Amino acid sequence: MTGKPATGECMSADAPKKLLFVVACALIDSDGRVLIAQRPEGKALAGLWEFPGGKLEPGESPEVSLIRELSEELGITVKEACLAPLTFASHAYESFHLLMPLYVCRRWEGTVSAREGQQLKWVAPRNLRDYPMPPADAPLIPFLIDLQ
């Protein structure tokens, strides 16, 4: 065996794309519901529902970035020890490739509130498919269903 695909089915002719590294969180309340946020008008993929989070700033770890993003977007304080990595998404969009770890958080301080014009909903994991999501977010749903 040479280590090369026999028929080329695993090879891609696509040109390399910029790698975008973002981080997301499944906040889970005491009833087992997951928080999702609707992307506001004026943003890419406006109207779609997603897990809170965002882009890493230079020098940030995923956990530090997520703590910052949750504070900015939702007004809550999360401790790093309360973030548990669950899975990740890897998705090729037209102009970039997105890599997104998904963390689970069940404990935070403060009251969740929309601070960036987004709509928020607490949804049972089995109902998450009822909300249109970006292509990278949708494959994460089965992991949240299995977590219950």
N, C-alpha and C. Protein backbone atom coordinates (compact mmCIF):
# COMPACT_ATOMS: atom_id res chain seq x y z
N MET A 1 0.84 -1.17 0.00
CA MET A 1 0.00 0.00 0.00
C MET A 1 0.89 1.24 0.00
N THR A 2 0.58 2.20 -0.86
CA THR A 2 1.42 3.38 -1.02
C THR A 2 0.97 4.57 -0.20
N GLY A 3 -0.23 4.52 0.35
CA GLY A 3 -0.74 5.64 1.11
C GLY A 3 -1.46 6.66 0.24
N LYS A 4 -1.52 6.42 -1.06
CA LYS A 4 -2.23 7.32 -1.97
C LYS A 4 -3.60 6.75 -2.26
N PRO A 5 -4.62 7.61 -2.42
CA PRO A 5 -5.94 7.10 -2.78
C PRO A 5 -5.89 6.35 -4.10
N ALA A 6 -6.52 5.20 -4.16
CA ALA A 6 -6.50 4.37 -5.35
C ALA A 6 -7.21 5.02 -6.53
N THR A 7 -8.30 5.70 -6.27
CA THR A 7 -9.09 6.25 -7.38
C THR A 7 -9.15 7.76 -7.35
N GLY A 8 -8.53 8.40 -6.39
CA GLY A 8 -8.55 9.84 -6.31
C GLY A 8 -9.78 10.41 -5.62
N GLU A 9 -10.65 9.55 -5.09
CA GLU A 9 -11.89 10.06 -4.49
C GLU A 9 -11.65 10.90 -3.25
N CYS A 10 -10.52 10.78 -2.62
CA CYS A 10 -10.23 11.56 -1.42
C CYS A 10 -9.44 12.82 -1.73
N MET A 11 -9.06 12.99 -2.96
CA MET A 11 -8.26 14.15 -3.33
C MET A 11 -9.18 15.27 -3.79
N SER A 12 -8.76 16.50 -3.59
CA SER A 12 -9.55 17.66 -3.97
C SER A 12 -8.72 18.57 -4.86
N ALA A 13 -9.37 19.11 -5.88
CA ALA A 13 -8.69 20.04 -6.78
C ALA A 13 -8.94 21.48 -6.37
N ASP A 14 -9.68 21.69 -5.28
CA ASP A 14 -9.99 23.04 -4.83
C ASP A 14 -8.72 23.79 -4.44
N ALA A 15 -8.69 25.06 -4.76
CA ALA A 15 -7.57 25.90 -4.34
C ALA A 15 -7.64 26.07 -2.82
N PRO A 16 -6.49 26.25 -2.18
CA PRO A 16 -6.51 26.46 -0.73
C PRO A 16 -7.34 27.70 -0.37
N LYS A 17 -8.06 27.61 0.73
CA LYS A 17 -8.89 28.71 1.21
C LYS A 17 -8.34 29.20 2.54
N LYS A 18 -8.65 30.45 2.85
CA LYS A 18 -8.27 31.00 4.14
C LYS A 18 -8.98 30.21 5.23
N LEU A 19 -8.26 29.88 6.30
CA LEU A 19 -8.84 29.17 7.43
C LEU A 19 -9.35 30.19 8.44
N LEU A 20 -10.63 30.11 8.76
CA LEU A 20 -11.23 30.99 9.76
C LEU A 20 -11.52 30.15 11.00
N PHE A 21 -10.95 30.54 12.12
CA PHE A 21 -11.10 29.81 13.37
C PHE A 21 -12.04 30.58 14.27
N VAL A 22 -13.20 30.01 14.54
CA VAL A 22 -14.17 30.62 15.45
C VAL A 22 -14.51 29.60 16.54
N VAL A 23 -15.14 30.06 17.58
CA VAL A 23 -15.49 29.19 18.69
C VAL A 23 -16.96 29.42 19.03
N ALA A 24 -17.64 28.35 19.45
CA ALA A 24 -19.07 28.44 19.76
C ALA A 24 -19.36 27.71 21.07
N CYS A 25 -20.51 28.07 21.65
CA CYS A 25 -20.90 27.49 22.93
C CYS A 25 -22.36 27.08 22.93
N ALA A 26 -22.62 25.90 23.43
CA ALA A 26 -23.99 25.46 23.69
C ALA A 26 -24.24 25.71 25.17
N LEU A 27 -24.88 26.85 25.46
CA LEU A 27 -25.30 27.12 26.84
C LEU A 27 -26.52 26.25 27.10
N ILE A 28 -26.50 25.50 28.19
CA ILE A 28 -27.60 24.60 28.52
C ILE A 28 -28.18 25.01 29.86
N ASP A 29 -29.49 25.28 29.86
CA ASP A 29 -30.14 25.73 31.10
C ASP A 29 -30.56 24.53 31.95
N SER A 30 -31.17 24.80 33.10
CA SER A 30 -31.54 23.74 34.05
C SER A 30 -32.62 22.81 33.50
N ASP A 31 -33.33 23.24 32.45
CA ASP A 31 -34.33 22.39 31.81
C ASP A 31 -33.76 21.60 30.64
N GLY A 32 -32.45 21.71 30.41
CA GLY A 32 -31.81 20.98 29.32
C GLY A 32 -31.95 21.64 27.96
N ARG A 33 -32.42 22.89 27.93
CA ARG A 33 -32.57 23.60 26.66
C ARG A 33 -31.26 24.29 26.29
N VAL A 34 -31.05 24.47 24.99
CA VAL A 34 -29.85 25.08 24.44
C VAL A 34 -30.20 26.48 23.93
N LEU A 35 -29.33 27.44 24.19
CA LEU A 35 -29.54 28.80 23.71
C LEU A 35 -29.03 28.93 22.28
N ILE A 36 -29.88 29.48 21.41
CA ILE A 36 -29.45 29.83 20.06
C ILE A 36 -29.76 31.30 19.83
N ALA A 37 -28.99 31.90 18.93
CA ALA A 37 -29.14 33.32 18.62
C ALA A 37 -29.37 33.47 17.12
N GLN A 38 -30.26 34.39 16.76
CA GLN A 38 -30.53 34.64 15.35
C GLN A 38 -29.62 35.77 14.87
N ARG A 39 -28.92 35.51 13.77
CA ARG A 39 -28.02 36.52 13.22
C ARG A 39 -28.83 37.72 12.74
N PRO A 40 -28.46 38.92 13.21
CA PRO A 40 -29.24 40.11 12.87
C PRO A 40 -29.04 40.57 11.43
N GLU A 41 -29.97 41.39 10.96
CA GLU A 41 -29.87 41.99 9.63
C GLU A 41 -28.55 42.73 9.50
N GLY A 42 -27.98 42.68 8.31
CA GLY A 42 -26.73 43.37 8.05
C GLY A 42 -25.50 42.51 8.23
N LYS A 43 -25.65 41.35 8.85
CA LYS A 43 -24.53 40.42 9.01
C LYS A 43 -24.65 39.31 7.97
N ALA A 44 -23.53 38.69 7.66
CA ALA A 44 -23.56 37.53 6.77
C ALA A 44 -24.47 36.47 7.39
N LEU A 45 -25.21 35.76 6.56
CA LEU A 45 -26.13 34.70 6.99
C LEU A 45 -27.22 35.23 7.94
N ALA A 46 -27.62 36.49 7.73
CA ALA A 46 -28.66 37.11 8.56
C ALA A 46 -29.92 36.25 8.56
N GLY A 47 -30.56 36.16 9.72
CA GLY A 47 -31.80 35.41 9.86
C GLY A 47 -31.60 33.96 10.27
N LEU A 48 -30.39 33.43 10.10
CA LEU A 48 -30.12 32.05 10.51
C LEU A 48 -29.82 32.01 12.01
N TRP A 49 -30.07 30.86 12.61
CA TRP A 49 -29.85 30.66 14.04
C TRP A 49 -28.51 29.97 14.25
N GLU A 50 -27.81 30.35 15.30
CA GLU A 50 -26.48 29.79 15.57
C GLU A 50 -26.24 29.70 17.07
N PHE A 51 -25.18 29.00 17.40
CA PHE A 51 -24.74 28.94 18.79
C PHE A 51 -23.89 30.19 19.07
N PRO A 52 -24.02 30.79 20.23
CA PRO A 52 -23.24 32.00 20.53
C PRO A 52 -21.74 31.73 20.47
N GLY A 53 -20.99 32.75 20.14
CA GLY A 53 -19.54 32.64 20.04
C GLY A 53 -19.02 33.63 19.03
N GLY A 54 -17.82 33.38 18.52
CA GLY A 54 -17.27 34.29 17.52
C GLY A 54 -15.82 34.01 17.23
N LYS A 55 -15.22 34.98 16.53
CA LYS A 55 -13.84 34.86 16.07
C LYS A 55 -12.86 35.04 17.22
N LEU A 56 -11.75 34.33 17.10
CA LEU A 56 -10.66 34.50 18.06
C LEU A 56 -9.87 35.74 17.70
N GLU A 57 -9.49 36.51 18.71
CA GLU A 57 -8.59 37.64 18.53
C GLU A 57 -7.16 37.09 18.56
N PRO A 58 -6.21 37.81 17.93
CA PRO A 58 -4.82 37.33 17.95
C PRO A 58 -4.34 37.05 19.37
N GLY A 59 -3.74 35.89 19.56
CA GLY A 59 -3.17 35.51 20.85
C GLY A 59 -4.16 34.89 21.82
N GLU A 60 -5.46 34.84 21.48
CA GLU A 60 -6.45 34.27 22.40
C GLU A 60 -6.52 32.75 22.25
N SER A 61 -6.74 32.09 23.36
CA SER A 61 -7.07 30.67 23.31
C SER A 61 -8.57 30.57 22.99
N PRO A 62 -9.04 29.42 22.53
CA PRO A 62 -10.48 29.28 22.28
C PRO A 62 -11.33 29.59 23.51
N GLU A 63 -10.87 29.15 24.67
CA GLU A 63 -11.64 29.36 25.89
C GLU A 63 -11.73 30.85 26.26
N VAL A 64 -10.61 31.54 26.18
CA VAL A 64 -10.59 32.98 26.50
C VAL A 64 -11.46 33.73 25.50
N SER A 65 -11.39 33.36 24.25
CA SER A 65 -12.22 34.00 23.23
C SER A 65 -13.69 33.80 23.53
N LEU A 66 -14.06 32.58 23.88
CA LEU A 66 -15.46 32.28 24.16
C LEU A 66 -15.96 33.04 25.38
N ILE A 67 -15.16 33.11 26.41
CA ILE A 67 -15.53 33.87 27.61
C ILE A 67 -15.77 35.33 27.24
N ARG A 68 -14.90 35.91 26.43
CA ARG A 68 -15.05 37.30 25.98
C ARG A 68 -16.31 37.47 25.14
N GLU A 69 -16.51 36.57 24.17
CA GLU A 69 -17.67 36.66 23.28
C GLU A 69 -18.99 36.53 24.05
N LEU A 70 -19.06 35.62 25.01
CA LEU A 70 -20.29 35.44 25.79
C LEU A 70 -20.59 36.66 26.64
N SER A 71 -19.56 37.31 27.13
CA SER A 71 -19.75 38.54 27.89
C SER A 71 -20.26 39.65 26.97
N GLU A 72 -19.63 39.81 25.80
CA GLU A 72 -20.01 40.87 24.86
C GLU A 72 -21.41 40.65 24.29
N GLU A 73 -21.71 39.42 23.87
CA GLU A 73 -22.97 39.12 23.18
C GLU A 73 -24.15 38.94 24.13
N LEU A 74 -23.89 38.34 25.31
CA LEU A 74 -24.99 37.92 26.18
C LEU A 74 -24.95 38.53 27.57
N GLY A 75 -23.88 39.22 27.93
CA GLY A 75 -23.79 39.85 29.23
C GLY A 75 -23.61 38.89 30.38
N ILE A 76 -23.05 37.73 30.12
CA ILE A 76 -22.83 36.75 31.19
C ILE A 76 -21.34 36.53 31.42
N THR A 77 -21.02 36.05 32.61
CA THR A 77 -19.65 35.73 32.97
C THR A 77 -19.52 34.22 33.07
N VAL A 78 -18.55 33.69 32.35
CA VAL A 78 -18.30 32.25 32.34
C VAL A 78 -16.87 32.02 32.78
N LYS A 79 -16.68 31.04 33.64
CA LYS A 79 -15.34 30.64 34.05
C LYS A 79 -14.84 29.54 33.13
N GLU A 80 -13.55 29.56 32.85
CA GLU A 80 -12.96 28.57 31.94
C GLU A 80 -13.24 27.15 32.39
N ALA A 81 -13.24 26.90 33.70
CA ALA A 81 -13.49 25.55 34.22
C ALA A 81 -14.90 25.05 33.90
N CYS A 82 -15.81 25.97 33.54
CA CYS A 82 -17.19 25.59 33.23
C CYS A 82 -17.41 25.33 31.74
N LEU A 83 -16.37 25.43 30.94
CA LEU A 83 -16.45 25.16 29.51
C LEU A 83 -15.91 23.76 29.23
N ALA A 84 -16.74 22.92 28.65
CA ALA A 84 -16.34 21.55 28.32
C ALA A 84 -16.39 21.37 26.81
N PRO A 85 -15.26 21.03 26.17
CA PRO A 85 -15.30 20.80 24.73
C PRO A 85 -16.16 19.59 24.39
N LEU A 86 -17.03 19.73 23.39
CA LEU A 86 -17.92 18.64 23.00
C LEU A 86 -17.54 18.05 21.65
N THR A 87 -17.42 18.89 20.63
CA THR A 87 -17.09 18.43 19.28
C THR A 87 -16.63 19.65 18.49
N PHE A 88 -16.49 19.49 17.18
CA PHE A 88 -16.13 20.64 16.35
C PHE A 88 -16.75 20.49 14.98
N ALA A 89 -16.84 21.62 14.29
CA ALA A 89 -17.31 21.64 12.91
C ALA A 89 -16.15 22.06 12.02
N SER A 90 -16.09 21.45 10.85
CA SER A 90 -15.13 21.82 9.82
C SER A 90 -15.93 21.92 8.53
N HIS A 91 -16.04 23.15 8.01
CA HIS A 91 -16.92 23.36 6.85
C HIS A 91 -16.28 24.29 5.84
N ALA A 92 -16.31 23.90 4.58
CA ALA A 92 -15.77 24.73 3.50
C ALA A 92 -16.88 25.61 2.94
N TYR A 93 -16.80 26.89 3.24
CA TYR A 93 -17.67 27.87 2.61
C TYR A 93 -17.01 28.27 1.28
N GLU A 94 -17.68 29.09 0.51
CA GLU A 94 -17.16 29.43 -0.82
C GLU A 94 -15.80 30.12 -0.76
N SER A 95 -15.63 31.05 0.17
CA SER A 95 -14.39 31.83 0.18
C SER A 95 -13.45 31.54 1.35
N PHE A 96 -13.85 30.66 2.27
CA PHE A 96 -12.99 30.33 3.40
C PHE A 96 -13.39 28.96 3.95
N HIS A 97 -12.51 28.40 4.77
CA HIS A 97 -12.80 27.14 5.47
C HIS A 97 -12.94 27.46 6.95
N LEU A 98 -14.06 27.06 7.53
CA LEU A 98 -14.35 27.36 8.93
C LEU A 98 -14.02 26.16 9.81
N LEU A 99 -13.30 26.41 10.87
CA LEU A 99 -13.04 25.41 11.90
C LEU A 99 -13.61 25.97 13.19
N MET A 100 -14.56 25.23 13.81
CA MET A 100 -15.29 25.75 14.96
C MET A 100 -15.47 24.70 16.05
N PRO A 101 -14.68 24.80 17.13
CA PRO A 101 -14.95 23.92 18.27
C PRO A 101 -16.24 24.36 18.97
N LEU A 102 -16.99 23.39 19.45
CA LEU A 102 -18.21 23.65 20.21
C LEU A 102 -18.00 23.20 21.65
N TYR A 103 -18.19 24.14 22.55
CA TYR A 103 -18.10 23.86 23.98
C TYR A 103 -19.50 23.82 24.57
N VAL A 104 -19.63 23.11 25.69
CA VAL A 104 -20.88 23.08 26.45
C VAL A 104 -20.63 23.83 27.75
N CYS A 105 -21.62 24.62 28.15
CA CYS A 105 -21.54 25.34 29.42
C CYS A 105 -22.89 25.25 30.11
N ARG A 106 -22.89 24.79 31.35
CA ARG A 106 -24.11 24.67 32.14
C ARG A 106 -24.15 25.65 33.32
N ARG A 107 -23.03 26.37 33.55
CA ARG A 107 -22.96 27.29 34.70
C ARG A 107 -22.36 28.61 34.25
N TRP A 108 -23.03 29.69 34.59
CA TRP A 108 -22.55 31.04 34.31
C TRP A 108 -23.15 31.98 35.33
N GLU A 109 -22.59 33.18 35.36
CA GLU A 109 -23.10 34.22 36.27
C GLU A 109 -23.77 35.30 35.43
N GLY A 110 -24.88 35.81 35.95
CA GLY A 110 -25.61 36.86 35.26
C GLY A 110 -26.83 36.31 34.53
N THR A 111 -27.57 37.22 33.93
CA THR A 111 -28.78 36.85 33.18
C THR A 111 -28.50 37.03 31.70
N VAL A 112 -28.80 35.99 30.94
CA VAL A 112 -28.60 36.03 29.49
C VAL A 112 -29.50 37.10 28.89
N SER A 113 -28.89 38.01 28.12
CA SER A 113 -29.65 39.04 27.42
C SER A 113 -28.98 39.34 26.08
N ALA A 114 -29.80 39.70 25.10
CA ALA A 114 -29.30 40.02 23.76
C ALA A 114 -28.67 41.41 23.79
N ARG A 115 -27.37 41.49 23.55
CA ARG A 115 -26.67 42.77 23.61
C ARG A 115 -26.24 43.28 22.24
N GLU A 116 -26.50 42.50 21.18
CA GLU A 116 -26.04 42.90 19.84
C GLU A 116 -27.18 42.87 18.83
N GLY A 117 -28.39 43.08 19.28
CA GLY A 117 -29.53 43.14 18.36
C GLY A 117 -30.04 41.80 17.88
N GLN A 118 -29.54 40.73 18.43
CA GLN A 118 -29.95 39.39 18.01
C GLN A 118 -31.17 38.91 18.80
N GLN A 119 -31.95 38.04 18.19
CA GLN A 119 -33.03 37.35 18.90
C GLN A 119 -32.43 36.12 19.57
N LEU A 120 -32.93 35.77 20.75
CA LEU A 120 -32.46 34.59 21.48
C LEU A 120 -33.62 33.65 21.73
N LYS A 121 -33.32 32.34 21.72
CA LYS A 121 -34.33 31.33 22.05
C LYS A 121 -33.66 30.19 22.80
N TRP A 122 -34.37 29.69 23.80
CA TRP A 122 -33.97 28.46 24.49
C TRP A 122 -34.76 27.33 23.84
N VAL A 123 -34.06 26.33 23.32
CA VAL A 123 -34.69 25.29 22.52
C VAL A 123 -34.24 23.91 23.01
N ALA A 124 -35.20 22.98 23.11
CA ALA A 124 -34.85 21.60 23.42
C ALA A 124 -33.98 21.06 22.28
N PRO A 125 -32.91 20.34 22.58
CA PRO A 125 -32.01 19.86 21.53
C PRO A 125 -32.74 19.13 20.39
N ARG A 126 -33.77 18.34 20.71
CA ARG A 126 -34.47 17.59 19.67
C ARG A 126 -35.23 18.51 18.71
N ASN A 127 -35.43 19.77 19.11
CA ASN A 127 -36.15 20.74 18.27
C ASN A 127 -35.23 21.71 17.54
N LEU A 128 -33.92 21.58 17.70
CA LEU A 128 -32.99 22.51 17.07
C LEU A 128 -33.10 22.50 15.55
N ARG A 129 -33.45 21.37 14.97
CA ARG A 129 -33.56 21.28 13.50
C ARG A 129 -34.72 22.12 12.96
N ASP A 130 -35.60 22.59 13.83
CA ASP A 130 -36.71 23.45 13.41
C ASP A 130 -36.26 24.88 13.12
N TYR A 131 -35.02 25.20 13.42
CA TYR A 131 -34.48 26.53 13.23
C TYR A 131 -33.38 26.49 12.16
N PRO A 132 -33.55 27.23 11.07
CA PRO A 132 -32.52 27.19 10.02
C PRO A 132 -31.19 27.71 10.55
N MET A 133 -30.13 26.94 10.30
CA MET A 133 -28.80 27.27 10.81
C MET A 133 -27.80 27.34 9.67
N PRO A 134 -26.68 28.02 9.90
CA PRO A 134 -25.60 28.00 8.90
C PRO A 134 -25.13 26.56 8.69
N PRO A 135 -24.57 26.27 7.52
CA PRO A 135 -24.14 24.90 7.22
C PRO A 135 -23.17 24.31 8.24
N ALA A 136 -22.34 25.13 8.86
CA ALA A 136 -21.37 24.60 9.83
C ALA A 136 -22.03 24.24 11.17
N ASP A 137 -23.12 24.90 11.53
CA ASP A 137 -23.77 24.67 12.83
C ASP A 137 -24.66 23.43 12.83
N ALA A 138 -25.39 23.20 11.75
CA ALA A 138 -26.38 22.12 11.71
C ALA A 138 -25.80 20.74 12.06
N PRO A 139 -24.59 20.36 11.60
CA PRO A 139 -24.06 19.03 11.95
C PRO A 139 -23.74 18.85 13.43
N LEU A 140 -23.77 19.91 14.20
CA LEU A 140 -23.48 19.82 15.64
C LEU A 140 -24.70 19.35 16.44
N ILE A 141 -25.87 19.46 15.85
CA ILE A 141 -27.11 19.15 16.57
C ILE A 141 -27.15 17.72 17.12
N PRO A 142 -26.79 16.68 16.36
CA PRO A 142 -26.85 15.32 16.92
C PRO A 142 -26.02 15.14 18.19
N PHE A 143 -24.90 15.84 18.30
CA PHE A 143 -24.07 15.74 19.50
C PHE A 143 -24.80 16.30 20.72
N LEU A 144 -25.58 17.36 20.51
CA LEU A 144 -26.34 17.96 21.60
C LEU A 144 -27.54 17.09 21.98
N ILE A 145 -28.14 16.45 20.99
CA ILE A 145 -29.25 15.52 21.27
C ILE A 145 -28.72 14.35 22.10
N ASP A 146 -27.57 13.81 21.70
CA ASP A 146 -26.98 12.66 22.42
C ASP A 146 -26.53 13.02 23.82
N LEU A 147 -26.27 14.30 24.07
CA LEU A 147 -25.79 14.75 25.37
C LEU A 147 -26.86 14.63 26.44
N GLN A 148 -28.13 14.64 26.03
CA GLN A 148 -29.25 14.65 26.98
C GLN A 148 -29.34 13.38 27.77
